[in-house]
Amino acid sequence: MVVKLPALAVAITGFGVGYLADRFGIVKIYLCSLIIFVVAGTSGYYLDTFESILAVRFVLGIGIAGISLATTGLIAEYYTGADRAKVIGYQSAAMGGPFT
């Protein structure tokens, strides 16, 4: 449950985060998502109860959704043609990793 909860949060909140990125700007969502990711990612060190760790892992998934959507959106804005395809390939390789 602790491992899969961020992925569930990404699936549930992805559309909402995408809407916010369209409404407020990709860079703002990216920066907010980075802050959420850092705070939620380090909170396991401070939290004591299993329930609070689960809740924060869900919030971590929201940060992951924002980072993923924003990086793809920024790549689409800043690159064109073959360069865009190459950078999207690099992003996919980095996100997939050798163990997924």
PDB file of N, CA and C in Angstrom:
ATOM      1  N   MET A   1       0.826  -1.193   0.000  1.00  0.00           N
ATOM      2  CA  MET A   1       0.000   0.000   0.000  1.00  0.00           C
ATOM      3  C   MET A   1       0.870   1.256   0.000  1.00  0.00           C
ATOM      4  N   VAL A   2       1.925   1.255   0.775  1.00  0.00           N
ATOM      5  CA  VAL A   2       2.796   2.418   0.841  1.00  0.00           C
ATOM      6  C   VAL A   2       3.486   2.655  -0.498  1.00  0.00           C
ATOM      7  N   VAL A   3       3.809   1.588  -1.206  1.00  0.00           N
ATOM      8  CA  VAL A   3       4.520   1.710  -2.469  1.00  0.00           C
ATOM      9  C   VAL A   3       3.580   2.129  -3.590  1.00  0.00           C
ATOM     10  N   LYS A   4       2.375   1.607  -3.623  1.00  0.00           N
ATOM     11  CA  LYS A   4       1.438   1.857  -4.730  1.00  0.00           C
ATOM     12  C   LYS A   4       0.576   3.096  -4.547  1.00  0.00           C
ATOM     13  N   LEU A   5       0.522   3.679  -3.375  1.00  0.00           N
ATOM     14  CA  LEU A   5      -0.346   4.825  -3.138  1.00  0.00           C
ATOM     15  C   LEU A   5       0.027   6.054  -3.968  1.00  0.00           C
ATOM     16  N   PRO A   6       1.303   6.388  -4.154  1.00  0.00           N
ATOM     17  CA  PRO A   6       1.607   7.525  -5.042  1.00  0.00           C
ATOM     18  C   PRO A   6       1.133   7.323  -6.474  1.00  0.00           C
ATOM     19  N   ALA A   7       1.230   6.112  -6.993  1.00  0.00           N
ATOM     20  CA  ALA A   7       0.745   5.839  -8.349  1.00  0.00           C
ATOM     21  C   ALA A   7      -0.770   6.017  -8.429  1.00  0.00           C
ATOM     22  N   LEU A   8      -1.481   5.625  -7.398  1.00  0.00           N
ATOM     23  CA  LEU A   8      -2.925   5.834  -7.347  1.00  0.00           C
ATOM     24  C   LEU A   8      -3.252   7.323  -7.323  1.00  0.00           C
ATOM     25  N   ALA A   9      -2.484   8.089  -6.576  1.00  0.00           N
ATOM     26  CA  ALA A   9      -2.696   9.531  -6.518  1.00  0.00           C
ATOM     27  C   ALA A   9      -2.446  10.186  -7.869  1.00  0.00           C
ATOM     28  N   VAL A  10      -1.439   9.718  -8.593  1.00  0.00           N
ATOM     29  CA  VAL A  10      -1.166  10.243  -9.928  1.00  0.00           C
ATOM     30  C   VAL A  10      -2.358   9.969 -10.839  1.00  0.00           C
ATOM     31  N   ALA A  11      -2.895   8.769 -10.775  1.00  0.00           N
ATOM     32  CA  ALA A  11      -4.025   8.405 -11.625  1.00  0.00           C
ATOM     33  C   ALA A  11      -5.276   9.210 -11.285  1.00  0.00           C
ATOM     34  N   ILE A  12      -5.494   9.469 -10.018  1.00  0.00           N
ATOM     35  CA  ILE A  12      -6.701  10.186  -9.600  1.00  0.00           C
ATOM     36  C   ILE A  12      -6.597  11.681  -9.866  1.00  0.00           C
ATOM     37  N   THR A  13      -5.450  12.283  -9.600  1.00  0.00           N
ATOM     38  CA  THR A  13      -5.320  13.738  -9.660  1.00  0.00           C
ATOM     39  C   THR A  13      -4.671  14.258 -10.927  1.00  0.00           C
ATOM     40  N   GLY A  14      -4.273  13.385 -11.828  1.00  0.00           N
ATOM     41  CA  GLY A  14      -3.563  13.822 -13.030  1.00  0.00           C
ATOM     42  C   GLY A  14      -4.346  14.819 -13.867  1.00  0.00           C
ATOM     43  N   PHE A  15      -5.633  14.549 -14.103  1.00  0.00           N
ATOM     44  CA  PHE A  15      -6.438  15.461 -14.907  1.00  0.00           C
ATOM     45  C   PHE A  15      -6.595  16.821 -14.230  1.00  0.00           C
ATOM     46  N   GLY A  16      -6.777  16.811 -12.925  1.00  0.00           N
ATOM     47  CA  GLY A  16      -6.906  18.078 -12.201  1.00  0.00           C
ATOM     48  C   GLY A  16      -5.636  18.896 -12.234  1.00  0.00           C
ATOM     49  N   VAL A  17      -4.512  18.239 -12.094  1.00  0.00           N
ATOM     50  CA  VAL A  17      -3.232  18.947 -12.157  1.00  0.00           C
ATOM     51  C   VAL A  17      -2.999  19.493 -13.563  1.00  0.00           C
ATOM     52  N   GLY A  18      -3.391  18.737 -14.579  1.00  0.00           N
ATOM     53  CA  GLY A  18      -3.282  19.219 -15.955  1.00  0.00           C
ATOM     54  C   GLY A  18      -4.151  20.443 -16.194  1.00  0.00           C
ATOM     55  N   TYR A  19      -5.354  20.440 -15.651  1.00  0.00           N
ATOM     56  CA  TYR A  19      -6.227  21.607 -15.756  1.00  0.00           C
ATOM     57  C   TYR A  19      -5.600  22.818 -15.084  1.00  0.00           C
ATOM     58  N   LEU A  20      -5.035  22.616 -13.894  1.00  0.00           N
ATOM     59  CA  LEU A  20      -4.383  23.729 -13.195  1.00  0.00           C
ATOM     60  C   LEU A  20      -3.182  24.250 -13.967  1.00  0.00           C
ATOM     61  N   ALA A  21      -2.461  23.361 -14.631  1.00  0.00           N
ATOM     62  CA  ALA A  21      -1.315  23.791 -15.435  1.00  0.00           C
ATOM     63  C   ALA A  21      -1.769  24.654 -16.607  1.00  0.00           C
ATOM     64  N   ASP A  22      -2.890  24.293 -17.220  1.00  0.00           N
ATOM     65  CA  ASP A  22      -3.424  25.114 -18.303  1.00  0.00           C
ATOM     66  C   ASP A  22      -3.922  26.461 -17.793  1.00  0.00           C
ATOM     67  N   ARG A  23      -4.484  26.456 -16.625  1.00  0.00           N
ATOM     68  CA  ARG A  23      -5.078  27.689 -16.076  1.00  0.00           C
ATOM     69  C   ARG A  23      -4.049  28.649 -15.505  1.00  0.00           C
ATOM     70  N   PHE A  24      -3.073  28.137 -14.763  1.00  0.00           N
ATOM     71  CA  PHE A  24      -2.129  29.006 -14.057  1.00  0.00           C
ATOM     72  C   PHE A  24      -0.733  29.033 -14.655  1.00  0.00           C
ATOM     73  N   GLY A  25      -0.427  28.130 -15.535  1.00  0.00           N
ATOM     74  CA  GLY A  25       0.901  28.097 -16.147  1.00  0.00           C
ATOM     75  C   GLY A  25       1.685  26.875 -15.710  1.00  0.00           C
ATOM     76  N   ILE A  26       2.431  26.362 -16.663  1.00  0.00           N
ATOM     77  CA  ILE A  26       3.170  25.121 -16.413  1.00  0.00           C
ATOM     78  C   ILE A  26       4.295  25.329 -15.409  1.00  0.00           C
ATOM     79  N   VAL A  27       4.977  26.452 -15.494  1.00  0.00           N
ATOM     80  CA  VAL A  27       6.129  26.682 -14.612  1.00  0.00           C
ATOM     81  C   VAL A  27       5.685  26.809 -13.155  1.00  0.00           C
ATOM     82  N   LYS A  28       4.565  27.485 -12.919  1.00  0.00           N
ATOM     83  CA  LYS A  28       4.061  27.611 -11.538  1.00  0.00           C
ATOM     84  C   LYS A  28       3.684  26.247 -10.963  1.00  0.00           C
ATOM     85  N   ILE A  29       3.022  25.431 -11.777  1.00  0.00           N
ATOM     86  CA  ILE A  29       2.652  24.092 -11.329  1.00  0.00           C
ATOM     87  C   ILE A  29       3.899  23.257 -11.079  1.00  0.00           C
ATOM     88  N   TYR A  30       4.896  23.407 -11.945  1.00  0.00           N
ATOM     89  CA  TYR A  30       6.147  22.664 -11.773  1.00  0.00           C
ATOM     90  C   TYR A  30       6.828  23.030 -10.455  1.00  0.00           C
ATOM     91  N   LEU A  31       6.922  24.318 -10.166  1.00  0.00           N
ATOM     92  CA  LEU A  31       7.569  24.743  -8.920  1.00  0.00           C
ATOM     93  C   LEU A  31       6.780  24.299  -7.689  1.00  0.00           C
ATOM     94  N   CYS A  32       5.464  24.436  -7.736  1.00  0.00           N
ATOM     95  CA  CYS A  32       4.642  23.973  -6.612  1.00  0.00           C
ATOM     96  C   CYS A  32       4.759  22.467  -6.428  1.00  0.00           C
ATOM     97  N   SER A  33       4.795  21.743  -7.533  1.00  0.00           N
ATOM     98  CA  SER A  33       4.924  20.283  -7.456  1.00  0.00           C
ATOM     99  C   SER A  33       6.271  19.868  -6.886  1.00  0.00           C
ATOM    100  N   LEU A  34       7.321  20.592  -7.237  1.00  0.00           N
ATOM    101  CA  LEU A  34       8.640  20.299  -6.653  1.00  0.00           C
ATOM    102  C   LEU A  34       8.637  20.511  -5.150  1.00  0.00           C
ATOM    103  N   ILE A  35       7.994  21.585  -4.701  1.00  0.00           N
ATOM    104  CA  ILE A  35       7.910  21.847  -3.257  1.00  0.00           C
ATOM    105  C   ILE A  35       7.113  20.746  -2.562  1.00  0.00           C
ATOM    106  N   ILE A  36       5.979  20.374  -3.147  1.00  0.00           N
ATOM    107  CA  ILE A  36       5.157  19.294  -2.584  1.00  0.00           C
ATOM    108  C   ILE A  36       5.957  18.002  -2.526  1.00  0.00           C
ATOM    109  N   PHE A  37       6.678  17.700  -3.601  1.00  0.00           N
ATOM    110  CA  PHE A  37       7.464  16.473  -3.667  1.00  0.00           C
ATOM    111  C   PHE A  37       8.549  16.441  -2.593  1.00  0.00           C
ATOM    112  N   VAL A  38       9.242  17.552  -2.410  1.00  0.00           N
ATOM    113  CA  VAL A  38      10.328  17.594  -1.418  1.00  0.00           C
ATOM    114  C   VAL A  38       9.771  17.469   0.000  1.00  0.00           C
ATOM    115  N   VAL A  39       8.731  18.226   0.293  1.00  0.00           N
ATOM    116  CA  VAL A  39       8.164  18.192   1.644  1.00  0.00           C
ATOM    117  C   VAL A  39       7.567  16.817   1.941  1.00  0.00           C
ATOM    118  N   ALA A  40       6.785  16.290   1.012  1.00  0.00           N
ATOM    119  CA  ALA A  40       6.162  14.982   1.239  1.00  0.00           C
ATOM    120  C   ALA A  40       7.189  13.857   1.214  1.00  0.00           C
ATOM    121  N   GLY A  41       8.214  14.003   0.397  1.00  0.00           N
ATOM    122  CA  GLY A  41       9.236  12.961   0.320  1.00  0.00           C
ATOM    123  C   GLY A  41      10.090  12.857   1.570  1.00  0.00           C
ATOM    124  N   THR A  42      10.322  13.974   2.225  1.00  0.00           N
ATOM    125  CA  THR A  42      11.134  13.952   3.442  1.00  0.00           C
ATOM    126  C   THR A  42      10.304  13.769   4.707  1.00  0.00           C
ATOM    127  N   SER A  43       8.989  13.808   4.595  1.00  0.00           N
ATOM    128  CA  SER A  43       8.158  13.746   5.793  1.00  0.00           C
ATOM    129  C   SER A  43       8.168  12.374   6.464  1.00  0.00           C
ATOM    130  N   GLY A  44       8.550  11.348   5.744  1.00  0.00           N
ATOM    131  CA  GLY A  44       8.652  10.032   6.377  1.00  0.00           C
ATOM    132  C   GLY A  44       9.647  10.007   7.515  1.00  0.00           C
ATOM    133  N   TYR A  45      10.596  10.897   7.474  1.00  0.00           N
ATOM    134  CA  TYR A  45      11.579  11.008   8.551  1.00  0.00           C
ATOM    135  C   TYR A  45      10.950  11.575   9.824  1.00  0.00           C
ATOM    136  N   TYR A  46       9.942  12.449   9.661  1.00  0.00           N
ATOM    137  CA  TYR A  46       9.355  13.138  10.797  1.00  0.00           C
ATOM    138  C   TYR A  46       8.094  12.468  11.344  1.00  0.00           C
ATOM    139  N   LEU A  47       7.393  11.707  10.519  1.00  0.00           N
ATOM    140  CA  LEU A  47       6.109  11.156  10.928  1.00  0.00           C
ATOM    141  C   LEU A  47       6.267   9.858  11.709  1.00  0.00           C
ATOM    142  N   ASP A  48       5.307   9.617  12.608  1.00  0.00           N
ATOM    143  CA  ASP A  48       5.393   8.451  13.481  1.00  0.00           C
ATOM    144  C   ASP A  48       4.346   7.390  13.185  1.00  0.00           C
ATOM    145  N   THR A  49       3.166   7.794  12.750  1.00  0.00           N
ATOM    146  CA  THR A  49       2.092   6.823  12.571  1.00  0.00           C
ATOM    147  C   THR A  49       1.998   6.360  11.119  1.00  0.00           C
ATOM    148  N   PHE A  50       1.541   5.136  10.959  1.00  0.00           N
ATOM    149  CA  PHE A  50       1.407   4.551   9.634  1.00  0.00           C
ATOM    150  C   PHE A  50       0.355   5.290   8.811  1.00  0.00           C
ATOM    151  N   GLU A  51      -0.727   5.715   9.446  1.00  0.00           N
ATOM    152  CA  GLU A  51      -1.792   6.415   8.744  1.00  0.00           C
ATOM    153  C   GLU A  51      -1.307   7.749   8.192  1.00  0.00           C
ATOM    154  N   SER A  52      -0.513   8.478   8.963  1.00  0.00           N
ATOM    155  CA  SER A  52      -0.003   9.761   8.475  1.00  0.00           C
ATOM    156  C   SER A  52       0.995   9.553   7.332  1.00  0.00           C
ATOM    157  N   ILE A  53       1.765   8.495   7.394  1.00  0.00           N
ATOM    158  CA  ILE A  53       2.692   8.193   6.294  1.00  0.00           C
ATOM    159  C   ILE A  53       1.908   7.862   5.028  1.00  0.00           C
ATOM    160  N   LEU A  54       0.827   7.115   5.146  1.00  0.00           N
ATOM    161  CA  LEU A  54      -0.009   6.808   3.989  1.00  0.00           C
ATOM    162  C   LEU A  54      -0.609   8.074   3.381  1.00  0.00           C
ATOM    163  N   ALA A  55      -1.094   8.967   4.234  1.00  0.00           N
ATOM    164  CA  ALA A  55      -1.685  10.213   3.735  1.00  0.00           C
ATOM    165  C   ALA A  55      -0.656  11.052   2.994  1.00  0.00           C
ATOM    166  N   VAL A  56       0.542  11.122   3.542  1.00  0.00           N
ATOM    167  CA  VAL A  56       1.581  11.929   2.906  1.00  0.00           C
ATOM    168  C   VAL A  56       2.081  11.261   1.630  1.00  0.00           C
ATOM    169  N   ARG A  57       2.046   9.948   1.561  1.00  0.00           N
ATOM    170  CA  ARG A  57       2.416   9.266   0.304  1.00  0.00           C
ATOM    171  C   ARG A  57       1.427   9.610  -0.803  1.00  0.00           C
ATOM    172  N   PHE A  58       0.146   9.796  -0.462  1.00  0.00           N
ATOM    173  CA  PHE A  58      -0.825  10.240  -1.454  1.00  0.00           C
ATOM    174  C   PHE A  58      -0.481  11.650  -1.934  1.00  0.00           C
ATOM    175  N   VAL A  59      -0.122  12.521  -1.009  1.00  0.00           N
ATOM    176  CA  VAL A  59       0.284  13.885  -1.374  1.00  0.00           C
ATOM    177  C   VAL A  59       1.552  13.841  -2.233  1.00  0.00           C
ATOM    178  N   LEU A  60       2.455  12.930  -1.940  1.00  0.00           N
ATOM    179  CA  LEU A  60       3.648  12.741  -2.764  1.00  0.00           C
ATOM    180  C   LEU A  60       3.268  12.404  -4.198  1.00  0.00           C
ATOM    181  N   GLY A  61       2.243  11.591  -4.377  1.00  0.00           N
ATOM    182  CA  GLY A  61       1.766  11.258  -5.710  1.00  0.00           C
ATOM    183  C   GLY A  61       1.241  12.474  -6.462  1.00  0.00           C
ATOM    184  N   ILE A  62       0.623  13.404  -5.754  1.00  0.00           N
ATOM    185  CA  ILE A  62       0.168  14.640  -6.387  1.00  0.00           C
ATOM    186  C   ILE A  62       1.372  15.435  -6.890  1.00  0.00           C
ATOM    187  N   GLY A  63       2.435  15.478  -6.098  1.00  0.00           N
ATOM    188  CA  GLY A  63       3.655  16.145  -6.547  1.00  0.00           C
ATOM    189  C   GLY A  63       4.270  15.464  -7.755  1.00  0.00           C
ATOM    190  N   ILE A  64       4.255  14.153  -7.771  1.00  0.00           N
ATOM    191  CA  ILE A  64       4.790  13.405  -8.907  1.00  0.00           C
ATOM    192  C   ILE A  64       3.964  13.685 -10.161  1.00  0.00           C
ATOM    193  N   ALA A  65       2.646  13.747 -10.020  1.00  0.00           N
ATOM    194  CA  ALA A  65       1.783  14.044 -11.164  1.00  0.00           C
ATOM    195  C   ALA A  65       2.107  15.411 -11.742  1.00  0.00           C
ATOM    196  N   GLY A  66       2.293  16.389 -10.888  1.00  0.00           N
ATOM    197  CA  GLY A  66       2.619  17.735 -11.360  1.00  0.00           C
ATOM    198  C   GLY A  66       3.961  17.802 -12.055  1.00  0.00           C
ATOM    199  N   ILE A  67       4.946  17.136 -11.498  1.00  0.00           N
ATOM    200  CA  ILE A  67       6.275  17.141 -12.107  1.00  0.00           C
ATOM    201  C   ILE A  67       6.239  16.453 -13.469  1.00  0.00           C
ATOM    202  N   SER A  68       5.585  15.315 -13.545  1.00  0.00           N
ATOM    203  CA  SER A  68       5.519  14.579 -14.810  1.00  0.00           C
ATOM    204  C   SER A  68       4.797  15.371 -15.889  1.00  0.00           C
ATOM    205  N   LEU A  69       3.646  15.935 -15.536  1.00  0.00           N
ATOM    206  CA  LEU A  69       2.889  16.705 -16.514  1.00  0.00           C
ATOM    207  C   LEU A  69       3.632  17.967 -16.936  1.00  0.00           C
ATOM    208  N   ALA A  70       4.243  18.642 -15.984  1.00  0.00           N
ATOM    209  CA  ALA A  70       4.930  19.893 -16.304  1.00  0.00           C
ATOM    210  C   ALA A  70       6.167  19.653 -17.164  1.00  0.00           C
ATOM    211  N   THR A  71       6.920  18.611 -16.870  1.00  0.00           N
ATOM    212  CA  THR A  71       8.115  18.372 -17.690  1.00  0.00           C
ATOM    213  C   THR A  71       7.732  18.007 -19.117  1.00  0.00           C
ATOM    214  N   THR A  72       6.683  17.224 -19.291  1.00  0.00           N
ATOM    215  CA  THR A  72       6.236  16.894 -20.643  1.00  0.00           C
ATOM    216  C   THR A  72       5.721  18.135 -21.355  1.00  0.00           C
ATOM    217  N   GLY A  73       4.986  18.972 -20.655  1.00  0.00           N
ATOM    218  CA  GLY A  73       4.490  20.210 -21.249  1.00  0.00           C
ATOM    219  C   GLY A  73       5.603  21.178 -21.616  1.00  0.00           C
ATOM    220  N   LEU A  74       6.606  21.277 -20.766  1.00  0.00           N
ATOM    221  CA  LEU A  74       7.726  22.173 -21.062  1.00  0.00           C
ATOM    222  C   LEU A  74       8.557  21.659 -22.234  1.00  0.00           C
ATOM    223  N   ILE A  75       8.710  20.360 -22.322  1.00  0.00           N
ATOM    224  CA  ILE A  75       9.419  19.791 -23.484  1.00  0.00           C
ATOM    225  C   ILE A  75       8.650  20.111 -24.758  1.00  0.00           C
ATOM    226  N   ALA A  76       7.332  19.990 -24.710  1.00  0.00           N
ATOM    227  CA  ALA A  76       6.518  20.290 -25.889  1.00  0.00           C
ATOM    228  C   ALA A  76       6.612  21.764 -26.282  1.00  0.00           C
ATOM    229  N   GLU A  77       6.785  22.657 -25.307  1.00  0.00           N
ATOM    230  CA  GLU A  77       6.891  24.081 -25.607  1.00  0.00           C
ATOM    231  C   GLU A  77       8.261  24.472 -26.154  1.00  0.00           C
ATOM    232  N   TYR A  78       9.315  23.875 -25.625  1.00  0.00           N
ATOM    233  CA  TYR A  78      10.659  24.346 -25.947  1.00  0.00           C
ATOM    234  C   TYR A  78      11.357  23.588 -27.070  1.00  0.00           C
ATOM    235  N   TYR A  79      10.863  22.437 -27.454  1.00  0.00           N
ATOM    236  CA  TYR A  79      11.514  21.638 -28.493  1.00  0.00           C
ATOM    237  C   TYR A  79      10.546  21.390 -29.644  1.00  0.00           C
ATOM    238  N   THR A  80      11.110  21.210 -30.846  1.00  0.00           N
ATOM    239  CA  THR A  80      10.300  20.898 -32.023  1.00  0.00           C
ATOM    240  C   THR A  80      10.979  19.784 -32.813  1.00  0.00           C
ATOM    241  N   GLY A  81      10.165  19.091 -33.602  1.00  0.00           N
ATOM    242  CA  GLY A  81      10.678  18.111 -34.544  1.00  0.00           C
ATOM    243  C   GLY A  81      11.444  16.969 -33.916  1.00  0.00           C
ATOM    244  N   ALA A  82      12.596  16.673 -34.519  1.00  0.00           N
ATOM    245  CA  ALA A  82      13.417  15.542 -34.077  1.00  0.00           C
ATOM    246  C   ALA A  82      14.006  15.774 -32.687  1.00  0.00           C
ATOM    247  N   ASP A  83      14.293  17.031 -32.360  1.00  0.00           N
ATOM    248  CA  ASP A  83      14.814  17.325 -31.014  1.00  0.00           C
ATOM    249  C   ASP A  83      13.780  16.996 -29.947  1.00  0.00           C
ATOM    250  N   ARG A  84      12.519  17.311 -30.224  1.00  0.00           N
ATOM    251  CA  ARG A  84      11.451  16.996 -29.268  1.00  0.00           C
ATOM    252  C   ARG A  84      11.343  15.489 -29.062  1.00  0.00           C
ATOM    253  N   ALA A  85      11.396  14.743 -30.149  1.00  0.00           N
ATOM    254  CA  ALA A  85      11.297  13.285 -30.043  1.00  0.00           C
ATOM    255  C   ALA A  85      12.473  12.713 -29.256  1.00  0.00           C
ATOM    256  N   LYS A  86      13.647  13.273 -29.464  1.00  0.00           N
ATOM    257  CA  LYS A  86      14.831  12.788 -28.744  1.00  0.00           C
ATOM    258  C   LYS A  86      14.722  13.074 -27.243  1.00  0.00           C
ATOM    259  N   VAL A  87      14.273  14.281 -26.899  1.00  0.00           N
ATOM    260  CA  VAL A  87      14.170  14.644 -25.483  1.00  0.00           C
ATOM    261  C   VAL A  87      13.047  13.857 -24.806  1.00  0.00           C
ATOM    262  N   ILE A  88      11.927  13.639 -25.494  1.00  0.00           N
ATOM    263  CA  ILE A  88      10.852  12.804 -24.936  1.00  0.00           C
ATOM    264  C   ILE A  88      11.366  11.384 -24.720  1.00  0.00           C
ATOM    265  N   GLY A  89      12.206  10.895 -25.617  1.00  0.00           N
ATOM    266  CA  GLY A  89      12.810   9.573 -25.437  1.00  0.00           C
ATOM    267  C   GLY A  89      13.704   9.523 -24.213  1.00  0.00           C
ATOM    268  N   TYR A  90      14.496  10.580 -24.013  1.00  0.00           N
ATOM    269  CA  TYR A  90      15.330  10.650 -22.806  1.00  0.00           C
ATOM    270  C   TYR A  90      14.471  10.669 -21.545  1.00  0.00           C
ATOM    271  N   GLN A  91      13.386  11.450 -21.589  1.00  0.00           N
ATOM    272  CA  GLN A  91      12.502  11.524 -20.425  1.00  0.00           C
ATOM    273  C   GLN A  91      11.868  10.165 -20.145  1.00  0.00           C
ATOM    274  N   SER A  92      11.417   9.487 -21.173  1.00  0.00           N
ATOM    275  CA  SER A  92      10.801   8.172 -20.993  1.00  0.00           C
ATOM    276  C   SER A  92      11.799   7.167 -20.423  1.00  0.00           C
ATOM    277  N   ALA A  93      13.039   7.229 -20.910  1.00  0.00           N
ATOM    278  CA  ALA A  93      14.056   6.321 -20.391  1.00  0.00           C
ATOM    279  C   ALA A  93      14.358   6.615 -18.924  1.00  0.00           C
ATOM    280  N   ALA A  94      14.397   7.887 -18.566  1.00  0.00           N
ATOM    281  CA  ALA A  94      14.696   8.252 -17.182  1.00  0.00           C
ATOM    282  C   ALA A  94      13.544   7.894 -16.255  1.00  0.00           C
ATOM    283  N   MET A  95      12.312   8.062 -16.707  1.00  0.00           N
ATOM    284  CA  MET A  95      11.161   7.756 -15.863  1.00  0.00           C
ATOM    285  C   MET A  95      10.933   6.255 -15.741  1.00  0.00           C
ATOM    286  N   GLY A  96      11.199   5.518 -16.830  1.00  0.00           N
ATOM    287  CA  GLY A  96      10.977   4.084 -16.801  1.00  0.00           C
ATOM    288  C   GLY A  96      12.029   3.376 -15.956  1.00  0.00           C
ATOM    289  N   GLY A  97      13.259   3.717 -16.172  1.00  0.00           N
ATOM    290  CA  GLY A  97      14.334   3.108 -15.415  1.00  0.00           C
ATOM    291  C   GLY A  97      14.518   1.638 -15.761  1.00  0.00           C
ATOM    292  N   PRO A  98      15.575   1.048 -15.285  1.00  0.00           N
ATOM    293  CA  PRO A  98      15.860  -0.341 -15.639  1.00  0.00           C
ATOM    294  C   PRO A  98      15.047  -1.355 -14.845  1.00  0.00           C
ATOM    295  N   PHE A  99      14.368  -0.940 -13.779  1.00  0.00           N
ATOM    296  CA  PHE A  99      13.719  -1.904 -12.895  1.00  0.00           C
ATOM    297  C   PHE A  99      12.208  -1.896 -12.998  1.00  0.00           C
ATOM    298  N   THR A 100      11.611  -1.168 -13.971  1.00  0.00           N
ATOM    299  CA  THR A 100      10.152  -1.140 -14.058  1.00  0.00           C
ATOM    300  C   THR A 100       9.641  -2.081 -15.109  1.00  0.00           C
TER     301      THR A 100
END
